Amino acid sequence: MRDVFSSGGTLRYLAVMSRFHDYSVNNFLLIAMQKPEATLVAGYRAWQDKFGRHVRKGEHGIRILWPRRREGEARRGRPEEDAEQGKEKASEKRLVGFRMGTVFDVSQTEGRELPPWASTS
């Protein structure tokens, strides 16, 4: 057990796990209904860009809901508050609906190895 904390493996594991998205309860249910054995899921591009892995040819994705956001009007605060903060407030994105998106489980991908604990949690 001491090796887990002294080998640097824990830091590597935490670094990899921090790159995975936190899905909503509804999306957890959608994932569980479509692929009950799923352990780690991410989008097609996330597997490539963040994890150095690619989805195997012929794999069918897991459909989930992705939020659609649009730029909204900037919040209207008092000018003196904005001046005190020393920066202009950026416009906010507001939720306008949902669209279907596709994610894939780690078992549907190939490529760079993830930390050994990652696939079992």
Protein backbone atom coordinates (compact mmCIF):
# COMPACT_ATOMS: atom_id res chain seq x y z
CA MET A 1 0.00 0.00 0.00
CA ARG A 2 2.90 2.34 0.71
CA ASP A 3 3.94 2.11 -2.98
CA VAL A 4 0.65 3.70 -4.03
CA PHE A 5 1.55 6.93 -2.26
CA SER A 6 5.28 7.01 -2.90
CA SER A 7 5.44 5.92 -6.54
CA GLY A 8 3.78 8.96 -8.06
CA GLY A 9 1.02 6.70 -9.34
CA THR A 10 -1.57 8.51 -7.23
CA LEU A 11 -0.66 11.86 -8.76
CA ARG A 12 -0.84 10.41 -12.26
CA TYR A 13 -4.21 8.83 -11.49
CA LEU A 14 -5.62 12.09 -10.12
CA ALA A 15 -4.28 14.04 -13.09
CA VAL A 16 -6.00 11.70 -15.54
CA MET A 17 -9.26 11.51 -13.60
CA SER A 18 -9.49 15.31 -13.37
CA ARG A 19 -9.80 15.42 -17.18
CA PHE A 20 -13.06 13.44 -17.19
CA HIS A 21 -16.32 15.35 -17.26
CA ASP A 22 -18.78 15.16 -14.35
CA TYR A 23 -22.06 14.01 -15.86
CA SER A 24 -25.52 14.88 -14.54
CA VAL A 25 -27.70 12.29 -12.82
CA ASN A 26 -29.88 12.12 -15.93
CA ASN A 27 -26.86 11.39 -18.11
CA PHE A 28 -25.63 8.77 -15.64
CA LEU A 29 -29.00 7.06 -16.05
CA LEU A 30 -28.84 7.28 -19.85
CA ILE A 31 -25.34 5.79 -19.82
CA ALA A 32 -26.37 2.99 -17.45
CA MET A 33 -29.41 2.12 -19.58
CA GLN A 34 -27.40 1.89 -22.79
CA LYS A 35 -24.14 0.39 -21.52
CA PRO A 36 -24.43 -0.87 -17.92
CA GLU A 37 -20.79 -2.01 -17.84
CA ALA A 38 -19.46 1.48 -18.72
CA THR A 39 -16.79 2.76 -16.33
CA LEU A 40 -15.17 5.85 -17.86
CA VAL A 41 -16.88 7.77 -20.64
CA ALA A 42 -15.82 10.73 -22.73
CA GLY A 43 -16.60 12.25 -26.10
CA TYR A 44 -14.86 11.23 -29.31
CA ARG A 45 -12.56 14.26 -29.39
CA ALA A 46 -11.84 14.09 -25.65
CA TRP A 47 -10.49 10.55 -26.06
CA GLN A 48 -8.15 11.81 -28.77
CA ASP A 49 -7.10 15.17 -27.37
CA LYS A 50 -7.02 14.57 -23.61
CA PHE A 51 -6.17 10.89 -23.32
CA GLY A 52 -4.25 9.93 -26.47
CA ARG A 53 -6.75 7.21 -27.33
CA HIS A 54 -9.07 6.64 -30.29
CA VAL A 55 -12.46 5.00 -30.65
CA ARG A 56 -12.29 1.65 -32.42
CA LYS A 57 -13.90 1.46 -35.83
CA GLY A 58 -17.49 0.21 -35.73
CA GLU A 59 -18.16 1.09 -32.08
CA HIS A 60 -21.59 2.51 -31.31
CA GLY A 61 -21.65 5.49 -29.00
CA ILE A 62 -23.73 6.14 -25.92
CA ARG A 63 -26.27 8.91 -26.43
CA ILE A 64 -26.56 11.58 -23.74
CA LEU A 65 -27.95 15.11 -23.45
CA TRP A 66 -25.57 18.03 -23.95
CA PRO A 67 -26.61 21.51 -22.85
CA ARG A 68 -26.91 24.19 -25.55
CA ARG A 69 -25.82 27.61 -24.41
CA ARG A 70 -25.90 30.99 -26.09
CA GLU A 71 -24.31 34.28 -25.27
CA GLY A 72 -26.75 36.34 -23.24
CA GLU A 73 -26.76 39.96 -22.24
CA ALA A 74 -24.16 41.04 -19.76
CA ARG A 75 -25.41 41.35 -16.22
CA ARG A 76 -26.32 44.90 -15.46
CA GLY A 77 -24.58 45.96 -12.27
CA ARG A 78 -23.90 49.35 -10.82
CA PRO A 79 -21.08 51.17 -12.70
CA GLU A 80 -19.22 51.90 -9.48
CA GLU A 81 -19.13 48.17 -8.64
CA ASP A 82 -17.64 47.40 -12.05
CA ALA A 83 -15.03 50.13 -11.62
CA GLU A 84 -14.07 48.78 -8.20
CA GLN A 85 -13.47 45.36 -9.65
CA GLY A 86 -11.26 46.92 -12.31
CA LYS A 87 -12.65 44.89 -15.18
CA GLU A 88 -15.69 44.76 -17.40
CA LYS A 89 -18.13 41.97 -16.83
CA ALA A 90 -18.15 39.48 -19.66
CA SER A 91 -21.43 38.41 -21.18
CA GLU A 92 -22.77 35.21 -19.73
CA LYS A 93 -23.84 32.08 -21.53
CA ARG A 94 -27.38 31.01 -20.77
CA LEU A 95 -28.97 27.60 -21.18
CA VAL A 96 -31.35 27.51 -24.15
CA GLY A 97 -32.00 23.77 -24.41
CA PHE A 98 -30.41 20.39 -24.90
CA ARG A 99 -29.17 18.36 -27.85
CA MET A 100 -28.15 14.76 -28.21
CA GLY A 101 -24.46 14.00 -27.96
CA THR A 102 -22.39 10.84 -28.12
CA VAL A 103 -19.83 9.52 -25.67
CA PHE A 104 -17.79 6.31 -25.63
CA ASP A 105 -16.66 4.05 -22.81
CA VAL A 106 -12.97 3.34 -22.28
CA SER A 107 -13.63 -0.28 -23.34
CA GLN A 108 -14.51 1.06 -26.81
CA THR A 109 -11.16 2.79 -27.25
CA GLU A 110 -7.52 1.91 -27.92
CA GLY A 111 -4.31 3.83 -27.39
CA ARG A 112 -2.22 5.21 -24.57
CA GLU A 113 -2.68 3.34 -21.31
CA LEU A 114 -4.62 4.96 -18.48
CA PRO A 115 -3.51 4.48 -14.88
CA PRO A 116 -4.38 0.95 -13.71
CA TRP A 117 -6.97 2.17 -11.17
CA ALA A 118 -8.82 4.29 -13.70
CA SER A 119 -10.61 1.43 -15.44
CA THR A 120 -11.80 -0.21 -12.23
CA SER A 121 -13.44 2.76 -10.49
